[in-house]
Amino acid sequence: MEHELKFKESSPDSRMVIPSEVLEESGISAAQCAELHQLRHCVAVLQGKLTAYELIEVILDLNKMSEFLVVQLAKACGTCDGCGDCANENKCGIVVPPELLVELGLPRNTKLEACADHDNGLILVGPACYEHDLTDIPDDFLEMLSDSGICLDVLEEHLMAEDTVYGE
């Protein structure tokens, strides 16, 4: 499976074009029906009709692609060095009664962060200045990343900062 093939050119009417040679090398000829599957941040083009064995080949290739992407994430995050932060991640976050959020006009699923007001001895809670953190990752996938040795503390930093960790 070729992972380095990149298409940066688009046609004059702003549509992305997949060269027929690429489709043919994938086993999809121009005369065949193809299915386009829109996924989050990617698309998959499948031959319209597949035998059981061809479908297994597609599944295996998609699995290889998934493994490749996890390796890229691991390179960006590094491996956990046993600092203890990854194992002790508190996924509970800050919990505020929903009626208080509503009273402030905030959605119930608003991410919150806290800071200390040392002068008044208060902990101030407000909307977070980031969109994603580890709480957005399904538990089973987070466990797989952790079992793979990926540093979850660095991953969360990347999530919160919205860092680009793949591509240019």
N, C-alpha and C. Protein backbone atom coordinates (compact mmCIF):
# COMPACT_ATOMS: atom_id res chain seq x y z
N MET A 1 0.86 -1.18 0.00
CA MET A 1 0.00 0.00 0.00
C MET A 1 0.90 1.23 0.00
N GLU A 2 0.65 2.16 -0.88
CA GLU A 2 1.42 3.40 -0.99
C GLU A 2 0.78 4.47 -0.13
N HIS A 3 1.54 4.98 0.83
CA HIS A 3 1.02 6.01 1.73
C HIS A 3 1.47 7.41 1.36
N GLU A 4 2.45 7.53 0.48
CA GLU A 4 3.04 8.83 0.22
C GLU A 4 2.43 9.54 -0.98
N LEU A 5 1.48 8.95 -1.65
CA LEU A 5 0.85 9.57 -2.81
C LEU A 5 0.03 10.76 -2.38
N LYS A 6 0.33 11.93 -2.95
CA LYS A 6 -0.37 13.14 -2.55
C LYS A 6 -0.93 13.83 -3.79
N PHE A 7 -2.13 14.37 -3.67
CA PHE A 7 -2.76 15.14 -4.73
C PHE A 7 -2.93 16.55 -4.22
N LYS A 8 -2.18 17.47 -4.80
CA LYS A 8 -2.31 18.86 -4.38
C LYS A 8 -2.92 19.71 -5.48
N GLU A 9 -3.06 19.12 -6.65
CA GLU A 9 -3.63 19.86 -7.76
C GLU A 9 -5.13 19.60 -7.82
N SER A 10 -5.85 20.60 -8.22
CA SER A 10 -7.29 20.41 -8.42
C SER A 10 -7.63 20.91 -9.80
N SER A 11 -8.75 20.50 -10.30
CA SER A 11 -9.19 20.91 -11.63
C SER A 11 -9.62 22.37 -11.59
N PRO A 12 -9.77 23.00 -12.76
CA PRO A 12 -10.14 24.43 -12.79
C PRO A 12 -11.44 24.74 -12.05
N ASP A 13 -12.36 23.79 -11.97
CA ASP A 13 -13.62 24.07 -11.27
C ASP A 13 -13.57 23.64 -9.80
N SER A 14 -12.35 23.54 -9.24
CA SER A 14 -12.10 23.26 -7.82
C SER A 14 -12.51 21.86 -7.38
N ARG A 15 -12.61 20.93 -8.29
CA ARG A 15 -12.87 19.54 -7.91
C ARG A 15 -11.57 18.77 -7.88
N MET A 16 -11.41 17.88 -6.91
CA MET A 16 -10.24 17.03 -6.85
C MET A 16 -10.43 15.90 -7.85
N VAL A 17 -9.38 15.59 -8.59
CA VAL A 17 -9.45 14.55 -9.61
C VAL A 17 -8.47 13.45 -9.24
N ILE A 18 -8.94 12.21 -9.27
CA ILE A 18 -8.08 11.06 -9.02
C ILE A 18 -7.66 10.53 -10.39
N PRO A 19 -6.36 10.55 -10.69
CA PRO A 19 -5.90 10.06 -12.00
C PRO A 19 -6.33 8.62 -12.25
N SER A 20 -6.69 8.32 -13.49
CA SER A 20 -7.17 6.98 -13.84
C SER A 20 -6.11 5.93 -13.55
N GLU A 21 -4.82 6.28 -13.66
CA GLU A 21 -3.76 5.31 -13.37
C GLU A 21 -3.81 4.85 -11.91
N VAL A 22 -4.13 5.78 -11.02
CA VAL A 22 -4.22 5.45 -9.59
C VAL A 22 -5.39 4.50 -9.36
N LEU A 23 -6.52 4.81 -9.99
CA LEU A 23 -7.69 3.94 -9.85
C LEU A 23 -7.40 2.55 -10.41
N GLU A 24 -6.76 2.50 -11.57
CA GLU A 24 -6.46 1.21 -12.19
C GLU A 24 -5.49 0.40 -11.35
N GLU A 25 -4.47 1.06 -10.77
CA GLU A 25 -3.53 0.35 -9.90
C GLU A 25 -4.23 -0.17 -8.65
N SER A 26 -5.33 0.44 -8.28
CA SER A 26 -6.11 -0.01 -7.12
C SER A 26 -7.12 -1.08 -7.50
N GLY A 27 -7.19 -1.40 -8.78
CA GLY A 27 -8.13 -2.41 -9.24
C GLY A 27 -9.48 -1.85 -9.63
N ILE A 28 -9.59 -0.52 -9.71
CA ILE A 28 -10.84 0.12 -10.11
C ILE A 28 -10.62 0.70 -11.49
N SER A 29 -11.26 0.11 -12.48
CA SER A 29 -11.11 0.64 -13.84
C SER A 29 -12.14 1.74 -14.06
N ALA A 30 -11.88 2.57 -15.05
CA ALA A 30 -12.77 3.70 -15.34
C ALA A 30 -14.18 3.23 -15.71
N ALA A 31 -14.30 2.01 -16.23
CA ALA A 31 -15.61 1.51 -16.66
C ALA A 31 -16.43 0.95 -15.50
N GLN A 32 -15.78 0.68 -14.36
CA GLN A 32 -16.47 0.09 -13.22
C GLN A 32 -17.16 1.16 -12.37
N CYS A 33 -18.17 0.70 -11.68
CA CYS A 33 -18.85 1.56 -10.71
C CYS A 33 -17.96 1.65 -9.47
N ALA A 34 -17.91 2.82 -8.87
CA ALA A 34 -17.13 3.01 -7.65
C ALA A 34 -18.02 3.67 -6.61
N GLU A 35 -17.71 3.39 -5.35
CA GLU A 35 -18.42 4.01 -4.23
C GLU A 35 -17.49 4.98 -3.54
N LEU A 36 -18.01 6.13 -3.20
CA LEU A 36 -17.24 7.12 -2.46
C LEU A 36 -17.81 7.18 -1.05
N HIS A 37 -16.96 6.95 -0.06
CA HIS A 37 -17.39 6.99 1.34
C HIS A 37 -16.75 8.20 2.00
N GLN A 38 -17.58 9.13 2.44
CA GLN A 38 -17.11 10.33 3.11
C GLN A 38 -16.92 10.03 4.59
N LEU A 39 -15.69 10.16 5.04
CA LEU A 39 -15.34 9.93 6.43
C LEU A 39 -14.89 11.27 7.02
N ARG A 40 -14.60 11.29 8.29
CA ARG A 40 -14.10 12.53 8.89
C ARG A 40 -12.65 12.73 8.48
N HIS A 41 -12.37 13.80 7.79
CA HIS A 41 -11.04 14.21 7.37
C HIS A 41 -10.41 13.32 6.31
N CYS A 42 -11.20 12.46 5.67
CA CYS A 42 -10.70 11.63 4.58
C CYS A 42 -11.88 11.05 3.79
N VAL A 43 -11.56 10.50 2.66
CA VAL A 43 -12.56 9.79 1.86
C VAL A 43 -11.98 8.45 1.45
N ALA A 44 -12.84 7.50 1.19
CA ALA A 44 -12.43 6.19 0.69
C ALA A 44 -13.22 5.91 -0.58
N VAL A 45 -12.50 5.48 -1.60
CA VAL A 45 -13.14 5.10 -2.86
C VAL A 45 -13.02 3.59 -2.98
N LEU A 46 -14.17 2.93 -3.07
CA LEU A 46 -14.20 1.47 -3.19
C LEU A 46 -14.74 1.08 -4.55
N GLN A 47 -14.22 -0.02 -5.05
CA GLN A 47 -14.79 -0.61 -6.25
C GLN A 47 -16.25 -0.93 -5.94
N GLY A 48 -17.15 -0.64 -6.88
CA GLY A 48 -18.58 -0.79 -6.62
C GLY A 48 -19.03 -2.19 -6.28
N LYS A 49 -18.40 -3.20 -6.85
CA LYS A 49 -18.73 -4.59 -6.56
C LYS A 49 -17.46 -5.31 -6.17
N LEU A 50 -17.54 -6.04 -5.05
CA LEU A 50 -16.37 -6.75 -4.54
C LEU A 50 -16.73 -8.19 -4.21
N THR A 51 -15.82 -9.10 -4.53
CA THR A 51 -15.99 -10.48 -4.08
C THR A 51 -15.63 -10.52 -2.60
N ALA A 52 -15.89 -11.63 -1.97
CA ALA A 52 -15.56 -11.77 -0.54
C ALA A 52 -14.06 -11.57 -0.34
N TYR A 53 -13.24 -12.14 -1.22
CA TYR A 53 -11.80 -12.01 -1.06
C TYR A 53 -11.35 -10.57 -1.31
N GLU A 54 -11.92 -9.91 -2.29
CA GLU A 54 -11.58 -8.51 -2.56
C GLU A 54 -11.95 -7.63 -1.36
N LEU A 55 -13.09 -7.90 -0.76
CA LEU A 55 -13.50 -7.13 0.42
C LEU A 55 -12.53 -7.36 1.57
N ILE A 56 -12.06 -8.59 1.74
CA ILE A 56 -11.05 -8.89 2.77
C ILE A 56 -9.77 -8.11 2.48
N GLU A 57 -9.37 -8.03 1.21
CA GLU A 57 -8.18 -7.26 0.86
C GLU A 57 -8.35 -5.78 1.22
N VAL A 58 -9.54 -5.24 0.96
CA VAL A 58 -9.82 -3.85 1.32
C VAL A 58 -9.70 -3.67 2.83
N ILE A 59 -10.30 -4.57 3.58
CA ILE A 59 -10.26 -4.49 5.05
C ILE A 59 -8.81 -4.55 5.54
N LEU A 60 -8.02 -5.46 4.98
CA LEU A 60 -6.61 -5.57 5.39
C LEU A 60 -5.83 -4.30 5.06
N ASP A 61 -6.07 -3.73 3.88
CA ASP A 61 -5.37 -2.50 3.50
C ASP A 61 -5.79 -1.32 4.36
N LEU A 62 -7.07 -1.23 4.71
CA LEU A 62 -7.53 -0.16 5.59
C LEU A 62 -6.93 -0.33 6.99
N ASN A 63 -6.77 -1.57 7.42
CA ASN A 63 -6.14 -1.85 8.71
C ASN A 63 -4.68 -1.40 8.68
N LYS A 64 -3.97 -1.67 7.55
CA LYS A 64 -2.58 -1.21 7.42
C LYS A 64 -2.52 0.31 7.48
N MET A 65 -3.47 0.95 6.84
CA MET A 65 -3.51 2.41 6.85
C MET A 65 -3.74 2.92 8.27
N SER A 66 -4.63 2.27 8.98
CA SER A 66 -4.90 2.64 10.38
C SER A 66 -3.64 2.49 11.22
N GLU A 67 -2.93 1.40 11.05
CA GLU A 67 -1.69 1.17 11.79
C GLU A 67 -0.67 2.25 11.45
N PHE A 68 -0.56 2.60 10.17
CA PHE A 68 0.36 3.66 9.72
C PHE A 68 0.03 4.98 10.42
N LEU A 69 -1.25 5.32 10.50
CA LEU A 69 -1.67 6.57 11.12
C LEU A 69 -1.40 6.58 12.63
N VAL A 70 -1.59 5.44 13.29
CA VAL A 70 -1.28 5.35 14.73
C VAL A 70 0.21 5.55 14.95
N VAL A 71 1.03 4.99 14.06
CA VAL A 71 2.49 5.19 14.16
C VAL A 71 2.82 6.67 14.00
N GLN A 72 2.15 7.36 13.09
CA GLN A 72 2.39 8.80 12.91
C GLN A 72 2.01 9.57 14.17
N LEU A 73 0.90 9.19 14.79
CA LEU A 73 0.49 9.83 16.04
C LEU A 73 1.52 9.55 17.14
N ALA A 74 2.03 8.31 17.18
CA ALA A 74 3.04 7.94 18.17
C ALA A 74 4.32 8.75 17.98
N LYS A 75 4.69 8.99 16.73
CA LYS A 75 5.88 9.80 16.47
C LYS A 75 5.68 11.23 16.97
N ALA A 76 4.47 11.75 16.81
CA ALA A 76 4.18 13.12 17.24
C ALA A 76 4.13 13.23 18.76
N CYS A 77 3.66 12.17 19.43
CA CYS A 77 3.45 12.23 20.89
C CYS A 77 4.60 11.64 21.68
N GLY A 78 5.37 10.80 21.05
CA GLY A 78 6.44 10.12 21.78
C GLY A 78 5.88 9.00 22.64
N THR A 79 6.79 8.29 23.24
CA THR A 79 6.37 7.18 24.10
C THR A 79 6.34 7.64 25.54
N CYS A 80 5.49 6.99 26.30
CA CYS A 80 5.34 7.32 27.71
C CYS A 80 6.61 6.86 28.43
N ASP A 81 7.21 7.75 29.21
CA ASP A 81 8.45 7.42 29.90
C ASP A 81 8.21 7.02 31.36
N GLY A 82 6.97 6.72 31.68
CA GLY A 82 6.66 6.30 33.04
C GLY A 82 6.55 7.45 34.02
N CYS A 83 6.24 8.63 33.50
CA CYS A 83 6.16 9.82 34.36
C CYS A 83 5.00 9.73 35.35
N GLY A 84 4.04 8.90 35.06
CA GLY A 84 2.88 8.77 35.94
C GLY A 84 1.73 9.66 35.53
N ASP A 85 2.00 10.71 34.76
CA ASP A 85 0.93 11.61 34.32
C ASP A 85 -0.06 10.89 33.42
N CYS A 86 0.46 10.04 32.53
CA CYS A 86 -0.43 9.34 31.59
C CYS A 86 -1.36 8.38 32.32
N ALA A 87 -0.81 7.65 33.26
CA ALA A 87 -1.61 6.65 33.98
C ALA A 87 -2.62 7.30 34.91
N ASN A 88 -2.33 8.53 35.35
CA ASN A 88 -3.20 9.19 36.31
C ASN A 88 -4.08 10.26 35.70
N GLU A 89 -4.24 10.22 34.37
CA GLU A 89 -5.08 11.24 33.73
C GLU A 89 -6.45 11.24 34.37
N ASN A 90 -6.88 12.40 34.78
CA ASN A 90 -8.20 12.54 35.39
C ASN A 90 -9.19 12.90 34.30
N LYS A 91 -9.97 11.93 33.83
CA LYS A 91 -10.91 12.18 32.75
C LYS A 91 -12.21 12.77 33.26
N CYS A 92 -12.32 12.98 34.54
CA CYS A 92 -13.55 13.53 35.09
C CYS A 92 -13.71 15.00 34.76
N GLY A 93 -12.61 15.73 34.77
CA GLY A 93 -12.68 17.16 34.49
C GLY A 93 -13.42 17.89 35.61
N ILE A 94 -13.82 19.11 35.31
CA ILE A 94 -14.53 19.95 36.28
C ILE A 94 -16.02 19.75 36.05
N VAL A 95 -16.74 19.47 37.11
CA VAL A 95 -18.18 19.26 37.00
C VAL A 95 -18.91 20.41 37.69
N VAL A 96 -19.77 21.05 36.94
CA VAL A 96 -20.58 22.15 37.45
C VAL A 96 -22.04 21.76 37.23
N PRO A 97 -22.91 22.00 38.17
CA PRO A 97 -24.33 21.67 37.96
C PRO A 97 -24.85 22.29 36.65
N PRO A 98 -25.54 21.50 35.84
CA PRO A 98 -26.03 21.98 34.54
C PRO A 98 -26.86 23.25 34.62
N GLU A 99 -27.63 23.40 35.70
CA GLU A 99 -28.48 24.60 35.81
C GLU A 99 -27.65 25.88 35.92
N LEU A 100 -26.44 25.78 36.46
CA LEU A 100 -25.57 26.96 36.53
C LEU A 100 -25.05 27.32 35.13
N LEU A 101 -24.74 26.30 34.36
CA LEU A 101 -24.29 26.55 32.98
C LEU A 101 -25.41 27.23 32.19
N VAL A 102 -26.61 26.69 32.33
CA VAL A 102 -27.78 27.26 31.62
C VAL A 102 -28.00 28.70 32.06
N GLU A 103 -27.88 28.95 33.35
CA GLU A 103 -28.07 30.30 33.88
C GLU A 103 -27.09 31.30 33.24
N LEU A 104 -25.89 30.81 32.90
CA LEU A 104 -24.89 31.67 32.26
C LEU A 104 -25.00 31.67 30.73
N GLY A 105 -25.97 30.89 30.21
CA GLY A 105 -26.14 30.82 28.76
C GLY A 105 -25.11 29.93 28.08
N LEU A 106 -24.53 29.00 28.83
CA LEU A 106 -23.53 28.08 28.28
C LEU A 106 -24.17 26.73 27.99
N PRO A 107 -23.79 26.09 26.89
CA PRO A 107 -24.30 24.73 26.62
C PRO A 107 -23.87 23.77 27.72
N ARG A 108 -24.68 22.76 27.95
CA ARG A 108 -24.40 21.79 29.01
C ARG A 108 -23.08 21.04 28.80
N ASN A 109 -22.63 20.91 27.54
CA ASN A 109 -21.41 20.16 27.26
C ASN A 109 -20.17 21.06 27.15
N THR A 110 -20.26 22.28 27.67
CA THR A 110 -19.14 23.22 27.63
C THR A 110 -17.96 22.65 28.41
N LYS A 111 -16.78 22.68 27.76
CA LYS A 111 -15.56 22.28 28.47
C LYS A 111 -15.18 23.41 29.40
N LEU A 112 -14.77 23.05 30.60
CA LEU A 112 -14.44 24.05 31.61
C LEU A 112 -12.99 23.91 32.04
N GLU A 113 -12.44 25.03 32.50
CA GLU A 113 -11.12 25.00 33.12
C GLU A 113 -11.16 25.90 34.35
N ALA A 114 -10.22 25.69 35.23
CA ALA A 114 -10.21 26.43 36.49
C ALA A 114 -8.88 27.14 36.68
N CYS A 115 -8.93 28.23 37.40
CA CYS A 115 -7.70 28.93 37.79
C CYS A 115 -7.89 29.43 39.22
N ALA A 116 -6.77 29.66 39.89
CA ALA A 116 -6.82 30.10 41.29
C ALA A 116 -6.78 31.61 41.37
N ASP A 117 -7.63 32.15 42.20
CA ASP A 117 -7.60 33.57 42.57
C ASP A 117 -6.99 33.60 43.97
N HIS A 118 -5.66 33.75 44.03
CA HIS A 118 -4.94 33.68 45.31
C HIS A 118 -5.33 34.81 46.26
N ASP A 119 -5.60 35.97 45.68
CA ASP A 119 -5.94 37.13 46.54
C ASP A 119 -7.20 36.90 47.35
N ASN A 120 -8.20 36.27 46.73
CA ASN A 120 -9.49 36.06 47.39
C ASN A 120 -9.70 34.63 47.86
N GLY A 121 -8.71 33.75 47.61
CA GLY A 121 -8.84 32.36 48.04
C GLY A 121 -9.94 31.62 47.31
N LEU A 122 -10.11 31.94 46.02
CA LEU A 122 -11.18 31.32 45.22
C LEU A 122 -10.62 30.50 44.08
N ILE A 123 -11.40 29.54 43.67
CA ILE A 123 -11.12 28.81 42.44
C ILE A 123 -12.16 29.29 41.43
N LEU A 124 -11.69 29.89 40.35
CA LEU A 124 -12.59 30.43 39.32
C LEU A 124 -12.73 29.41 38.20
N VAL A 125 -13.96 29.16 37.80
CA VAL A 125 -14.23 28.19 36.74
C VAL A 125 -14.91 28.92 35.60
N GLY A 126 -14.44 28.63 34.38
CA GLY A 126 -15.04 29.25 33.21
C GLY A 126 -14.85 28.38 31.99
N PRO A 127 -15.41 28.79 30.85
CA PRO A 127 -15.25 28.01 29.62
C PRO A 127 -13.77 27.87 29.26
N ALA A 128 -13.40 26.68 28.83
CA ALA A 128 -12.02 26.41 28.43
C ALA A 128 -11.71 27.14 27.12
N CYS A 129 -10.46 27.43 26.94
CA CYS A 129 -10.03 28.11 25.72
C CYS A 129 -9.59 27.10 24.66
N TYR A 130 -9.94 25.85 24.83
CA TYR A 130 -9.61 24.81 23.86
C TYR A 130 -10.88 24.03 23.52
N GLU A 131 -10.81 23.31 22.41
CA GLU A 131 -11.99 22.59 21.95
C GLU A 131 -11.95 21.09 22.27
N HIS A 132 -10.75 20.50 22.26
CA HIS A 132 -10.63 19.05 22.45
C HIS A 132 -9.61 18.71 23.53
N ASP A 133 -9.88 17.61 24.24
CA ASP A 133 -8.94 17.04 25.19
C ASP A 133 -9.18 15.54 25.23
N LEU A 134 -8.54 14.85 26.15
CA LEU A 134 -8.65 13.38 26.20
C LEU A 134 -10.08 12.90 26.44
N THR A 135 -10.92 13.73 27.03
CA THR A 135 -12.30 13.31 27.29
C THR A 135 -13.09 13.11 25.99
N ASP A 136 -12.57 13.64 24.88
CA ASP A 136 -13.24 13.48 23.59
C ASP A 136 -12.89 12.17 22.90
N ILE A 137 -11.92 11.45 23.42
CA ILE A 137 -11.45 10.21 22.81
C ILE A 137 -12.20 9.04 23.45
N PRO A 138 -12.82 8.16 22.64
CA PRO A 138 -13.51 7.00 23.22
C PRO A 138 -12.55 6.19 24.11
N ASP A 139 -13.07 5.71 25.22
CA ASP A 139 -12.26 4.99 26.21
C ASP A 139 -11.49 3.82 25.61
N ASP A 140 -12.13 3.02 24.76
CA ASP A 140 -11.45 1.85 24.21
C ASP A 140 -10.30 2.26 23.28
N PHE A 141 -10.47 3.36 22.54
CA PHE A 141 -9.41 3.83 21.66
C PHE A 141 -8.28 4.44 22.49
N LEU A 142 -8.62 5.17 23.53
CA LEU A 142 -7.62 5.75 24.42
C LEU A 142 -6.80 4.64 25.09
N GLU A 143 -7.47 3.58 25.48
CA GLU A 143 -6.77 2.44 26.08
C GLU A 143 -5.80 1.80 25.09
N MET A 144 -6.23 1.68 23.81
CA MET A 144 -5.35 1.13 22.78
C MET A 144 -4.12 2.02 22.59
N LEU A 145 -4.33 3.34 22.57
CA LEU A 145 -3.20 4.26 22.43
C LEU A 145 -2.24 4.12 23.60
N SER A 146 -2.79 4.04 24.80
CA SER A 146 -1.98 3.88 26.00
C SER A 146 -1.22 2.56 25.97
N ASP A 147 -1.91 1.48 25.60
CA ASP A 147 -1.26 0.16 25.50
C ASP A 147 -0.16 0.15 24.45
N SER A 148 -0.29 1.03 23.45
CA SER A 148 0.73 1.14 22.40
C SER A 148 1.93 1.95 22.87
N GLY A 149 1.85 2.50 24.07
CA GLY A 149 2.97 3.24 24.63
C GLY A 149 2.96 4.73 24.31
N ILE A 150 1.90 5.22 23.69
CA ILE A 150 1.82 6.63 23.33
C ILE A 150 1.64 7.47 24.59
N CYS A 151 2.39 8.54 24.69
CA CYS A 151 2.30 9.43 25.85
C CYS A 151 0.99 10.21 25.78
N LEU A 152 0.07 9.89 26.66
CA LEU A 152 -1.24 10.54 26.66
C LEU A 152 -1.16 11.99 27.12
N ASP A 153 -0.18 12.30 27.95
CA ASP A 153 -0.02 13.67 28.41
C ASP A 153 0.35 14.58 27.23
N VAL A 154 1.28 14.12 26.38
CA VAL A 154 1.66 14.90 25.20
C VAL A 154 0.51 14.92 24.20
N LEU A 155 -0.19 13.80 24.07
CA LEU A 155 -1.36 13.77 23.17
C LEU A 155 -2.37 14.83 23.58
N GLU A 156 -2.64 14.92 24.88
CA GLU A 156 -3.60 15.92 25.33
C GLU A 156 -3.12 17.34 25.05
N GLU A 157 -1.82 17.56 25.19
CA GLU A 157 -1.27 18.89 24.85
C GLU A 157 -1.52 19.21 23.38
N HIS A 158 -1.29 18.22 22.51
CA HIS A 158 -1.53 18.41 21.07
C HIS A 158 -3.02 18.67 20.79
N LEU A 159 -3.89 17.93 21.48
CA LEU A 159 -5.32 18.11 21.29
C LEU A 159 -5.76 19.51 21.69
N MET A 160 -5.32 19.94 22.84
CA MET A 160 -5.74 21.23 23.37
C MET A 160 -5.18 22.40 22.55
N ALA A 161 -3.97 22.23 22.03
CA ALA A 161 -3.34 23.29 21.23
C ALA A 161 -3.75 23.23 19.77
N GLU A 162 -4.48 22.18 19.39
CA GLU A 162 -4.87 21.95 18.00
C GLU A 162 -3.67 21.94 17.07
N ASP A 163 -2.59 21.29 17.53
CA ASP A 163 -1.37 21.16 16.75
C ASP A 163 -1.59 20.27 15.53
N THR A 164 -0.92 20.60 14.44
CA THR A 164 -0.88 19.71 13.28
C THR A 164 0.14 18.63 13.58
N VAL A 165 -0.28 17.37 13.55
CA VAL A 165 0.63 16.27 13.86
C VAL A 165 0.82 15.33 12.67
N TYR A 166 0.17 15.64 11.55
CA TYR A 166 0.33 14.82 10.35
C TYR A 166 0.23 15.73 9.13
N GLY A 167 1.10 15.51 8.20
CA GLY A 167 1.05 16.28 6.95
C GLY A 167 1.74 17.62 7.08
N GLU A 168 1.60 18.37 6.02
CA GLU A 168 2.28 19.67 5.94
C GLU A 168 1.40 20.80 6.38
